Amino acid sequence: PNTPQVTLRISVGVAPLNPQMSHYREWLKSADLALYKAKKAGRNRTEVAA
């Protein structure tokens, strides 16, 4: 059959859960910063927060 091809590209920010973080929002902010780092580095990649 004539099935159209779809290409997906995704950027992902990953952050480990750190017991020193006092609130889950710190964890989400860390992952969000990693995501923007992935986008800035050319997209279509995964970055892990330090």
PDB file of N, CA and C in Angstrom:
ATOM      1  N   PRO A   1       0.821  -1.207   0.000  1.00  0.00           N
ATOM      2  CA  PRO A   1       0.000   0.000   0.000  1.00  0.00           C
ATOM      3  C   PRO A   1       0.857   1.260   0.000  1.00  0.00           C
ATOM      4  N   ASN A   2       0.247   2.341  -0.341  1.00  0.00           N
ATOM      5  CA  ASN A   2       0.902   3.646  -0.388  1.00  0.00           C
ATOM      6  C   ASN A   2       0.778   4.352   0.958  1.00  0.00           C
ATOM      7  N   THR A   3       1.594   3.955   1.908  1.00  0.00           N
ATOM      8  CA  THR A   3       1.543   4.542   3.245  1.00  0.00           C
ATOM      9  C   THR A   3       2.532   5.697   3.329  1.00  0.00           C
ATOM     10  N   PRO A   4       2.080   6.876   3.739  1.00  0.00           N
ATOM     11  CA  PRO A   4       3.016   7.999   3.859  1.00  0.00           C
ATOM     12  C   PRO A   4       4.024   7.751   4.982  1.00  0.00           C
ATOM     13  N   GLN A   5       5.240   8.204   4.761  1.00  0.00           N
ATOM     14  CA  GLN A   5       6.291   8.041   5.758  1.00  0.00           C
ATOM     15  C   GLN A   5       6.318   9.268   6.664  1.00  0.00           C
ATOM     16  N   VAL A   6       6.425   9.025   7.952  1.00  0.00           N
ATOM     17  CA  VAL A   6       6.479  10.104   8.927  1.00  0.00           C
ATOM     18  C   VAL A   6       7.818  10.032   9.648  1.00  0.00           C
ATOM     19  N   THR A   7       8.504  11.150   9.722  1.00  0.00           N
ATOM     20  CA  THR A   7       9.772  11.219  10.431  1.00  0.00           C
ATOM     21  C   THR A   7       9.572  12.021  11.711  1.00  0.00           C
ATOM     22  N   LEU A   8       9.957  11.424  12.828  1.00  0.00           N
ATOM     23  CA  LEU A   8       9.855  12.114  14.112  1.00  0.00           C
ATOM     24  C   LEU A   8      11.249  12.444  14.619  1.00  0.00           C
ATOM     25  N   ARG A   9      11.374  13.630  15.148  1.00  0.00           N
ATOM     26  CA  ARG A   9      12.628  14.045  15.778  1.00  0.00           C
ATOM     27  C   ARG A   9      12.277  14.641  17.124  1.00  0.00           C
ATOM     28  N   ILE A  10      13.005  14.229  18.128  1.00  0.00           N
ATOM     29  CA  ILE A  10      12.638  14.694  19.458  1.00  0.00           C
ATOM     30  C   ILE A  10      13.872  15.060  20.273  1.00  0.00           C
ATOM     31  N   SER A  11      13.708  16.041  21.094  1.00  0.00           N
ATOM     32  CA  SER A  11      14.738  16.440  22.045  1.00  0.00           C
ATOM     33  C   SER A  11      14.222  16.100  23.433  1.00  0.00           C
ATOM     34  N   VAL A  12      15.116  15.564  24.267  1.00  0.00           N
ATOM     35  CA  VAL A  12      14.712  15.118  25.600  1.00  0.00           C
ATOM     36  C   VAL A  12      15.684  15.671  26.637  1.00  0.00           C
ATOM     37  N   GLY A  13      15.134  16.140  27.727  1.00  0.00           N
ATOM     38  CA  GLY A  13      15.927  16.553  28.879  1.00  0.00           C
ATOM     39  C   GLY A  13      15.666  15.587  30.021  1.00  0.00           C
ATOM     40  N   VAL A  14      16.727  14.999  30.560  1.00  0.00           N
ATOM     41  CA  VAL A  14      16.604  14.003  31.626  1.00  0.00           C
ATOM     42  C   VAL A  14      17.316  14.532  32.871  1.00  0.00           C
ATOM     43  N   ALA A  15      16.679  14.346  34.023  1.00  0.00           N
ATOM     44  CA  ALA A  15      17.302  14.766  35.279  1.00  0.00           C
ATOM     45  C   ALA A  15      17.133  13.668  36.317  1.00  0.00           C
ATOM     46  N   PRO A  16      18.231  13.263  36.952  1.00  0.00           N
ATOM     47  CA  PRO A  16      18.106  12.282  38.026  1.00  0.00           C
ATOM     48  C   PRO A  16      17.419  12.915  39.235  1.00  0.00           C
ATOM     49  N   LEU A  17      16.686  12.114  39.947  1.00  0.00           N
ATOM     50  CA  LEU A  17      16.026  12.593  41.154  1.00  0.00           C
ATOM     51  C   LEU A  17      17.068  12.647  42.267  1.00  0.00           C
ATOM     52  N   ASN A  18      17.322  13.846  42.751  1.00  0.00           N
ATOM     53  CA  ASN A  18      18.350  14.076  43.751  1.00  0.00           C
ATOM     54  C   ASN A  18      17.697  14.231  45.126  1.00  0.00           C
ATOM     55  N   PRO A  19      18.080  13.431  46.116  1.00  0.00           N
ATOM     56  CA  PRO A  19      17.462  13.524  47.440  1.00  0.00           C
ATOM     57  C   PRO A  19      17.670  14.880  48.112  1.00  0.00           C
ATOM     58  N   GLN A  20      18.650  15.657  47.653  1.00  0.00           N
ATOM     59  CA  GLN A  20      18.899  16.976  48.234  1.00  0.00           C
ATOM     60  C   GLN A  20      17.905  18.021  47.744  1.00  0.00           C
ATOM     61  N   MET A  21      17.147  17.705  46.717  1.00  0.00           N
ATOM     62  CA  MET A  21      16.141  18.642  46.209  1.00  0.00           C
ATOM     63  C   MET A  21      14.970  18.670  47.181  1.00  0.00           C
ATOM     64  N   SER A  22      14.594  19.874  47.589  1.00  0.00           N
ATOM     65  CA  SER A  22      13.560  19.993  48.614  1.00  0.00           C
ATOM     66  C   SER A  22      12.142  19.938  48.049  1.00  0.00           C
ATOM     67  N   HIS A  23      12.014  20.113  46.729  1.00  0.00           N
ATOM     68  CA  HIS A  23      10.680  20.128  46.120  1.00  0.00           C
ATOM     69  C   HIS A  23      10.773  19.548  44.711  1.00  0.00           C
ATOM     70  N   TYR A  24       9.717  18.899  44.279  1.00  0.00           N
ATOM     71  CA  TYR A  24       9.728  18.274  42.950  1.00  0.00           C
ATOM     72  C   TYR A  24       9.940  19.301  41.845  1.00  0.00           C
ATOM     73  N   ARG A  25       9.597  20.554  42.106  1.00  0.00           N
ATOM     74  CA  ARG A  25       9.778  21.594  41.076  1.00  0.00           C
ATOM     75  C   ARG A  25      11.250  21.800  40.729  1.00  0.00           C
ATOM     76  N   GLU A  26      12.126  21.590  41.686  1.00  0.00           N
ATOM     77  CA  GLU A  26      13.565  21.684  41.408  1.00  0.00           C
ATOM     78  C   GLU A  26      13.979  20.606  40.409  1.00  0.00           C
ATOM     79  N   TRP A  27      13.430  19.421  40.572  1.00  0.00           N
ATOM     80  CA  TRP A  27      13.710  18.308  39.667  1.00  0.00           C
ATOM     81  C   TRP A  27      13.209  18.627  38.260  1.00  0.00           C
ATOM     82  N   LEU A  28      11.981  19.147  38.176  1.00  0.00           N
ATOM     83  CA  LEU A  28      11.424  19.502  36.868  1.00  0.00           C
ATOM     84  C   LEU A  28      12.220  20.621  36.212  1.00  0.00           C
ATOM     85  N   LYS A  29      12.652  21.601  36.989  1.00  0.00           N
ATOM     86  CA  LYS A  29      13.450  22.700  36.442  1.00  0.00           C
ATOM     87  C   LYS A  29      14.769  22.172  35.881  1.00  0.00           C
ATOM     88  N   SER A  30      15.372  21.226  36.582  1.00  0.00           N
ATOM     89  CA  SER A  30      16.619  20.626  36.123  1.00  0.00           C
ATOM     90  C   SER A  30      16.425  19.905  34.784  1.00  0.00           C
ATOM     91  N   ALA A  31      15.343  19.156  34.668  1.00  0.00           N
ATOM     92  CA  ALA A  31      15.035  18.464  33.407  1.00  0.00           C
ATOM     93  C   ALA A  31      14.730  19.465  32.301  1.00  0.00           C
ATOM     94  N   ASP A  32      14.034  20.541  32.642  1.00  0.00           N
ATOM     95  CA  ASP A  32      13.695  21.572  31.663  1.00  0.00           C
ATOM     96  C   ASP A  32      14.958  22.246  31.129  1.00  0.00           C
ATOM     97  N   LEU A  33      15.901  22.541  32.010  1.00  0.00           N
ATOM     98  CA  LEU A  33      17.163  23.142  31.572  1.00  0.00           C
ATOM     99  C   LEU A  33      17.930  22.191  30.653  1.00  0.00           C
ATOM    100  N   ALA A  34      17.896  20.902  30.955  1.00  0.00           N
ATOM    101  CA  ALA A  34      18.550  19.913  30.094  1.00  0.00           C
ATOM    102  C   ALA A  34      17.872  19.858  28.727  1.00  0.00           C
ATOM    103  N   LEU A  35      16.554  19.987  28.700  1.00  0.00           N
ATOM    104  CA  LEU A  35      15.823  20.000  27.432  1.00  0.00           C
ATOM    105  C   LEU A  35      16.254  21.182  26.574  1.00  0.00           C
ATOM    106  N   TYR A  36      16.340  22.370  27.167  1.00  0.00           N
ATOM    107  CA  TYR A  36      16.751  23.543  26.397  1.00  0.00           C
ATOM    108  C   TYR A  36      18.196  23.423  25.931  1.00  0.00           C
ATOM    109  N   LYS A  37      19.027  22.754  26.717  1.00  0.00           N
ATOM    110  CA  LYS A  37      20.404  22.493  26.290  1.00  0.00           C
ATOM    111  C   LYS A  37      20.405  21.590  25.057  1.00  0.00           C
ATOM    112  N   ALA A  38      19.549  20.575  25.048  1.00  0.00           N
ATOM    113  CA  ALA A  38      19.442  19.670  23.893  1.00  0.00           C
ATOM    114  C   ALA A  38      18.978  20.431  22.658  1.00  0.00           C
ATOM    115  N   LYS A  39      18.002  21.303  22.829  1.00  0.00           N
ATOM    116  CA  LYS A  39      17.501  22.084  21.692  1.00  0.00           C
ATOM    117  C   LYS A  39      18.583  23.016  21.160  1.00  0.00           C
ATOM    118  N   LYS A  40      19.309  23.653  22.062  1.00  0.00           N
ATOM    119  CA  LYS A  40      20.357  24.592  21.654  1.00  0.00           C
ATOM    120  C   LYS A  40      21.502  23.873  20.941  1.00  0.00           C
ATOM    121  N   ALA A  41      21.746  22.624  21.313  1.00  0.00           N
ATOM    122  CA  ALA A  41      22.849  21.846  20.732  1.00  0.00           C
ATOM    123  C   ALA A  41      22.494  21.241  19.377  1.00  0.00           C
ATOM    124  N   GLY A  42      21.321  21.527  18.861  1.00  0.00           N
ATOM    125  CA  GLY A  42      20.987  21.058  17.533  1.00  0.00           C
ATOM    126  C   GLY A  42      19.755  20.193  17.454  1.00  0.00           C
ATOM    127  N   ARG A  43      19.063  20.036  18.528  1.00  0.00           N
ATOM    128  CA  ARG A  43      17.829  19.254  18.571  1.00  0.00           C
ATOM    129  C   ARG A  43      18.079  17.783  18.251  1.00  0.00           C
ATOM    130  N   ASN A  44      16.997  17.005  18.282  1.00  0.00           N
ATOM    131  CA  ASN A  44      17.057  15.574  17.981  1.00  0.00           C
ATOM    132  C   ASN A  44      18.119  14.854  18.814  1.00  0.00           C
ATOM    133  N   ARG A  45      18.125  15.131  20.115  1.00  0.00           N
ATOM    134  CA  ARG A  45      19.119  14.535  21.003  1.00  0.00           C
ATOM    135  C   ARG A  45      18.607  14.483  22.431  1.00  0.00           C
ATOM    136  N   THR A  46      19.353  13.819  23.283  1.00  0.00           N
ATOM    137  CA  THR A  46      19.026  13.716  24.703  1.00  0.00           C
ATOM    138  C   THR A  46      20.155  14.342  25.505  1.00  0.00           C
ATOM    139  N   GLU A  47      19.798  15.155  26.473  1.00  0.00           N
ATOM    140  CA  GLU A  47      20.778  15.736  27.393  1.00  0.00           C
ATOM    141  C   GLU A  47      20.400  15.341  28.811  1.00  0.00           C
ATOM    142  N   VAL A  48      21.402  15.017  29.603  1.00  0.00           N
ATOM    143  CA  VAL A  48      21.189  14.647  31.000  1.00  0.00           C
ATOM    144  C   VAL A  48      21.698  15.787  31.869  1.00  0.00           C
ATOM    145  N   ALA A  49      20.871  16.222  32.806  1.00  0.00           N
ATOM    146  CA  ALA A  49      21.256  17.301  33.713  1.00  0.00           C
ATOM    147  C   ALA A  49      22.424  16.860  34.585  1.00  0.00           C
ATOM    148  N   ALA A  50      23.291  17.803  34.882  1.00  0.00           N
ATOM    149  CA  ALA A  50      24.465  17.496  35.723  1.00  0.00           C
ATOM    150  C   ALA A  50      24.094  17.431  37.183  1.00  0.00           C
TER     151      ALA A  50
END
